[in-house]
Protein backbone atom coordinates (compact mmCIF):
# COMPACT_ATOMS: atom_id res chain seq x y z
CA UNK A 1 10.71 1.66 4.40
CA UNK A 2 12.74 0.18 7.25
CA UNK A 3 13.73 -3.48 7.11
CA UNK A 4 14.83 -5.18 10.32
CA UNK A 5 16.75 -8.47 9.89
CA UNK A 6 16.59 -8.46 6.06
CA UNK A 7 18.21 -11.90 5.91
CA UNK A 8 14.99 -13.40 7.28
CA UNK A 9 13.12 -12.23 4.20
CA UNK A 10 15.08 -14.68 2.08
CA UNK A 11 13.13 -17.46 3.80
CA UNK A 12 9.46 -18.33 3.55
CA UNK A 13 7.62 -17.08 6.66
CA UNK A 14 5.49 -19.31 8.84
CA UNK A 15 3.02 -16.47 9.21
CA UNK A 16 2.66 -12.72 8.75
CA UNK A 17 1.47 -10.37 11.50
CA UNK A 18 0.11 -7.07 10.19
CA UNK A 19 -0.79 -3.82 11.83
CA UNK A 20 -3.92 -2.27 10.34
CA UNK A 21 -4.33 1.51 10.72
CA UNK A 22 -1.74 3.50 8.79
CA UNK A 23 -0.14 0.29 7.54
CA UNK A 24 -2.70 -0.99 5.05
CA UNK A 25 -4.23 2.44 4.40
CA UNK A 26 -3.62 6.09 5.33
CA UNK A 27 -4.94 6.77 8.82
CA UNK A 28 -4.25 10.50 8.66
CA UNK A 29 -6.33 11.02 5.51
CA UNK A 30 -9.31 9.21 6.99
CA UNK A 31 -9.03 10.82 10.42
CA UNK A 32 -8.98 14.28 8.87
CA UNK A 33 -12.13 13.48 6.89
CA UNK A 34 -13.84 12.18 10.01
CA UNK A 35 -12.89 15.18 12.12
CA UNK A 36 -14.06 17.61 9.44
CA UNK A 37 -17.47 15.93 9.35
CA UNK A 38 -17.74 15.91 13.15
CA UNK A 39 -16.75 19.58 13.44
CA UNK A 40 -19.34 20.57 10.83
CA UNK A 41 -22.05 18.66 12.66
CA UNK A 42 -21.02 20.09 16.06
CA UNK A 43 -21.43 23.59 14.70
CA UNK A 44 -24.92 22.78 13.47
CA UNK A 45 -26.08 20.86 16.57
CA UNK A 46 -24.37 22.85 19.32
CA UNK A 47 -23.39 26.12 17.67
CA UNK A 48 -19.82 25.22 18.54
CA UNK A 49 -17.26 26.99 16.36
CA UNK A 50 -14.78 24.65 14.61
CA UNK A 51 -11.77 26.17 16.39
CA UNK A 52 -13.45 25.67 19.77
CA UNK A 53 -14.53 22.16 18.82
CA UNK A 54 -10.97 21.24 17.83
CA UNK A 55 -9.52 22.53 21.09
CA UNK A 56 -12.15 20.82 23.24
CA UNK A 57 -11.65 17.59 21.29
CA UNK A 58 -7.88 17.63 21.75
CA UNK A 59 -8.27 18.22 25.48
CA UNK A 60 -10.97 15.55 25.76
CA UNK A 61 -8.88 12.99 23.88
CA UNK A 62 -5.89 13.62 26.13
CA UNK A 63 -8.05 13.35 29.23
CA UNK A 64 -9.68 10.08 28.15
CA UNK A 65 -6.37 8.51 27.17
CA UNK A 66 -4.74 9.56 30.44
CA UNK A 67 -7.60 8.18 32.48
CA UNK A 68 -7.97 4.87 30.67
CA UNK A 69 -4.34 4.11 29.80
CA UNK A 70 -3.30 1.72 27.04
CA UNK A 71 -6.69 0.08 26.49
CA UNK A 72 -9.03 -0.30 23.53
CA UNK A 73 -11.54 2.04 25.20
CA UNK A 74 -8.93 4.82 25.19
CA UNK A 75 -9.48 5.06 21.40
CA UNK A 76 -13.28 5.22 21.64
CA UNK A 77 -14.54 8.19 19.64
CA UNK A 78 -17.87 8.17 21.45
CA UNK A 79 -16.04 8.85 24.72
CA UNK A 80 -13.98 11.56 23.01
CA UNK A 81 -17.08 13.30 21.67
CA UNK A 82 -19.00 12.98 24.92
CA UNK A 83 -16.16 14.61 26.81
CA UNK A 84 -15.71 17.21 24.03
CA UNK A 85 -19.31 18.30 24.52
CA UNK A 86 -18.87 18.43 28.29
CA UNK A 87 -15.68 20.45 28.07
CA UNK A 88 -17.51 22.90 25.82
CA UNK A 89 -19.83 23.64 28.74
CA UNK A 90 -22.78 21.39 27.93
CA UNK A 91 -24.23 18.41 29.77
CA UNK A 92 -23.36 15.00 28.33
CA UNK A 93 -25.87 15.27 25.45
CA UNK A 94 -25.95 11.53 24.55
CA UNK A 95 -27.90 12.06 21.32
CA UNK A 96 -25.42 14.65 20.05
CA UNK A 97 -22.43 12.51 21.08
CA UNK A 98 -23.82 9.54 19.18
CA UNK A 99 -24.48 11.66 16.09
CA UNK A 100 -20.94 13.04 16.17
CA UNK A 101 -19.47 9.55 16.46
CA UNK A 102 -21.58 8.29 13.56
CA UNK A 103 -20.65 11.28 11.40
CA UNK A 104 -16.97 10.77 12.17
CA UNK A 105 -16.88 7.09 11.29
CA UNK A 106 -19.05 7.52 8.21
CA UNK A 107 -16.69 10.10 6.72
CA UNK A 108 -13.62 8.19 7.94
CA UNK A 109 -14.68 4.97 6.26
CA UNK A 110 -15.76 6.74 3.08
CA UNK A 111 -12.17 8.00 2.78
CA UNK A 112 -10.50 4.62 3.31
CA UNK A 113 -8.48 3.26 0.42
CA UNK A 114 -5.91 0.49 0.57
CA UNK A 115 -2.32 1.33 -0.24
CA UNK A 116 -1.21 0.21 -3.70
CA UNK A 117 -0.43 -3.52 -3.90
CA UNK A 118 -1.62 -4.15 -0.31
CA UNK A 119 -4.48 -6.40 -1.43
CA UNK A 120 -2.29 -8.11 -4.02
CA UNK A 121 0.31 -8.86 -1.34
CA UNK A 122 -2.32 -10.40 0.93
CA UNK A 123 -3.64 -12.44 -1.99
CA UNK A 124 -0.09 -13.70 -2.63
CA UNK A 125 0.12 -14.89 0.96
CA UNK A 126 -3.22 -16.62 0.73
CA UNK A 127 -2.30 -18.42 -2.50
CA UNK A 128 1.00 -19.50 -0.95
CA UNK A 129 -0.76 -20.81 2.17
CA UNK A 130 0.95 -18.34 4.54
CA UNK A 131 -1.44 -17.29 7.34
CA UNK A 132 -2.03 -13.54 7.73
CA UNK A 133 -3.14 -12.09 11.05
CA UNK A 134 -4.10 -8.48 11.72
CA UNK A 135 -3.02 -7.32 15.18
CA UNK A 136 -4.54 -3.94 15.91
CA UNK A 137 -5.51 -1.51 18.63
CA UNK A 138 -9.07 -0.19 19.11
CA UNK A 139 -12.38 -1.95 19.61
CA UNK A 140 -13.43 -5.06 17.72
CA UNK A 141 -16.60 -3.66 16.16
CA UNK A 142 -14.94 -0.68 14.48
CA UNK A 143 -11.92 -2.65 13.27
CA UNK A 144 -14.08 -5.43 11.86
CA UNK A 145 -16.25 -2.90 10.06
CA UNK A 146 -13.13 -1.43 8.45
CA UNK A 147 -11.87 -4.89 7.56
CA UNK A 148 -15.10 -5.89 5.83
CA UNK A 149 -15.48 -2.53 4.05
CA UNK A 150 -11.99 -2.87 2.56
CA UNK A 151 -12.67 -6.47 1.53
CA UNK A 152 -9.88 -7.79 3.74
CA UNK A 153 -12.08 -10.34 5.46
CA UNK A 154 -11.63 -12.51 2.36
CA UNK A 155 -7.83 -12.49 2.47
CA UNK A 156 -6.95 -12.22 6.18
CA UNK A 157 -7.20 -15.35 8.28
CA UNK A 158 -7.44 -13.87 11.76
CA UNK A 159 -7.86 -10.57 13.56
CA UNK A 160 -6.85 -9.65 17.10
CA UNK A 161 -7.90 -6.31 18.58
CA UNK A 162 -6.62 -4.74 21.77
CA UNK A 163 -10.17 -5.02 23.11
CA UNK A 164 -9.98 -8.78 22.76
CA UNK A 165 -6.37 -9.05 23.98
CA UNK A 166 -6.80 -6.82 27.02
CA UNK A 167 -4.29 -4.09 26.18
CA UNK A 168 -2.87 -1.93 23.41
CA UNK A 169 0.34 -2.79 21.62
CA UNK A 170 3.17 -3.26 22.49
CA UNK A 171 1.42 -5.43 25.11
CA UNK A 172 2.63 -8.90 24.09
CA UNK A 173 -0.74 -10.47 24.87
CA UNK A 174 -2.09 -9.34 21.50
CA UNK A 175 0.72 -11.10 19.63
CA UNK A 176 0.53 -14.19 21.83
CA UNK A 177 -3.18 -14.43 21.09
CA UNK A 178 -2.57 -13.98 17.37
CA UNK A 179 -0.18 -16.93 17.30
CA UNK A 180 -2.41 -18.97 19.58
CA UNK A 181 -5.36 -18.65 17.23
CA UNK A 182 -3.74 -20.87 14.62
CA UNK A 183 -1.87 -23.09 17.05
CA UNK A 184 1.49 -21.37 17.07
CA UNK A 185 4.24 -21.60 14.47
CA UNK A 186 7.85 -22.64 14.08
CA UNK A 187 10.07 -20.54 11.87
CA UNK A 188 10.28 -16.96 10.74
CA UNK A 189 7.50 -14.49 11.38
CA UNK A 190 7.11 -11.38 9.28
CA UNK A 191 5.78 -8.43 11.23
CA UNK A 192 4.55 -5.47 9.20
CA UNK A 193 3.62 -2.19 10.83
CA UNK A 194 4.28 1.52 11.12
CA UNK A 195 5.76 1.61 14.63
CA UNK A 196 8.97 -0.01 15.83
CA UNK A 197 7.88 0.36 19.46
CA UNK A 198 4.32 -0.90 19.12
CA UNK A 199 4.70 -3.50 16.38
CA UNK A 200 8.24 -4.85 16.49
CA UNK A 201 8.85 -4.74 20.25
CA UNK A 202 5.44 -6.23 21.01
CA UNK A 203 5.83 -8.96 18.40
CA UNK A 204 9.28 -9.91 19.70
CA UNK A 205 7.97 -10.21 23.25
CA UNK A 206 4.91 -12.12 22.16
CA UNK A 207 6.86 -14.55 19.98
CA UNK A 208 9.40 -15.65 22.53
CA UNK A 209 9.31 -19.30 23.51
CA UNK A 210 6.26 -19.66 25.71
CA UNK A 211 3.08 -21.61 26.22
CA UNK A 212 0.31 -20.64 23.87
CA UNK A 213 -3.28 -21.70 24.13
CA UNK A 214 -4.96 -22.66 20.90
CA UNK A 215 -8.58 -21.60 20.85
CA UNK A 216 -10.98 -24.30 19.71
CA UNK A 217 -14.71 -24.74 19.86
CA UNK A 218 -14.94 -26.67 23.11
CA UNK A 219 -11.42 -27.15 24.42
CA UNK A 220 -8.02 -25.61 24.83
CA UNK A 221 -4.78 -27.21 23.76
CA UNK A 222 -1.49 -26.22 25.41
CA UNK A 223 1.80 -26.50 23.56
CA UNK A 224 5.22 -24.91 23.25
CA UNK A 225 6.12 -22.93 20.19
CA UNK A 226 9.77 -21.99 19.60
CA UNK A 227 10.04 -19.07 17.21
CA UNK A 228 13.33 -18.40 15.44
CA UNK A 229 13.08 -14.75 14.58
CA UNK A 230 10.63 -11.92 14.22
CA UNK A 231 11.37 -9.60 11.32
CA UNK A 232 9.63 -6.40 10.35
CA UNK A 233 9.03 -4.10 7.45
CA UNK A 234 7.59 -0.66 8.11
CA UNK A 235 5.78 0.29 4.91
CA UNK A 236 4.64 3.67 3.69
CA UNK A 237 2.29 4.19 0.77
CA UNK A 238 3.41 2.19 -2.25
CA UNK A 239 5.90 -0.05 -0.47
CA UNK A 240 3.79 -3.19 -0.71
CA UNK A 241 5.30 -3.65 -4.15
CA UNK A 242 8.61 -4.24 -2.35
CA UNK A 243 6.93 -6.76 -0.08
CA UNK A 244 5.70 -8.62 -3.13
CA UNK A 245 9.28 -8.72 -4.40
CA UNK A 246 10.39 -10.31 -1.14
CA UNK A 247 7.49 -12.74 -1.35
CA UNK A 248 8.46 -13.71 -4.88
CA UNK A 249 12.04 -14.38 -3.81
CA UNK A 250 11.04 -16.65 -0.93
CA UNK A 251 8.22 -18.43 -2.81
CA UNK A 252 5.34 -16.64 -1.12
CA UNK A 253 4.12 -15.61 -4.51
CA UNK A 254 3.54 -17.78 -7.57
CA UNK A 255 6.07 -17.02 -10.26
CA UNK A 256 4.80 -16.02 -13.66
CA UNK A 257 6.39 -17.20 -16.91
């Protein structure tokens, strides 16, 4: 676990910005499960050997990401599988591509499990009245499905995806939008993620003094929001217990007698 600006964790945060994939649960475990299911199905549907499927998929993923750049669509598994099929020498095969995508996400989500104490930490924040915002890459539908499946929709106040923001992290627009959704904040922001470049750099850029637009039902409100400092913890599995210790010390968690 890496702590940047540890002194800031002695103070109650105004809000907490959280990455999602590989921060609240193990991305690698889930991705492996999804790829295994997709490879098995590809062999049955297309008679494509797993080793050939894996190579075509890697090439397809690289091609799609290069073409689309740092956008939510560059993570789209349906595009990956469509291009995988094409690189294997077939036509686009929409029905097969859709089945591969569904098999991938079904197995992926079946394997999802929150890191220890992650839910308890988010509950601590909610009890303490500290807003929690997930700032994540990928498309809104998939990320919201994950959020609901893990039960995080009950403890997270807001979600911002790169599809909604217009670009992948570290694009500061995602972090600006996250702060804008609850009107901006003054004070310390905790940023929790697994990438210094994507999470910390983007959050710092997005939290500099600027004009934010608060989103409301029928109008927009402009205001300035000075932010003192953006701090970050990069957790691995099990490190949310340390976050709860920080929260206890700065009154983000109710003390027990």
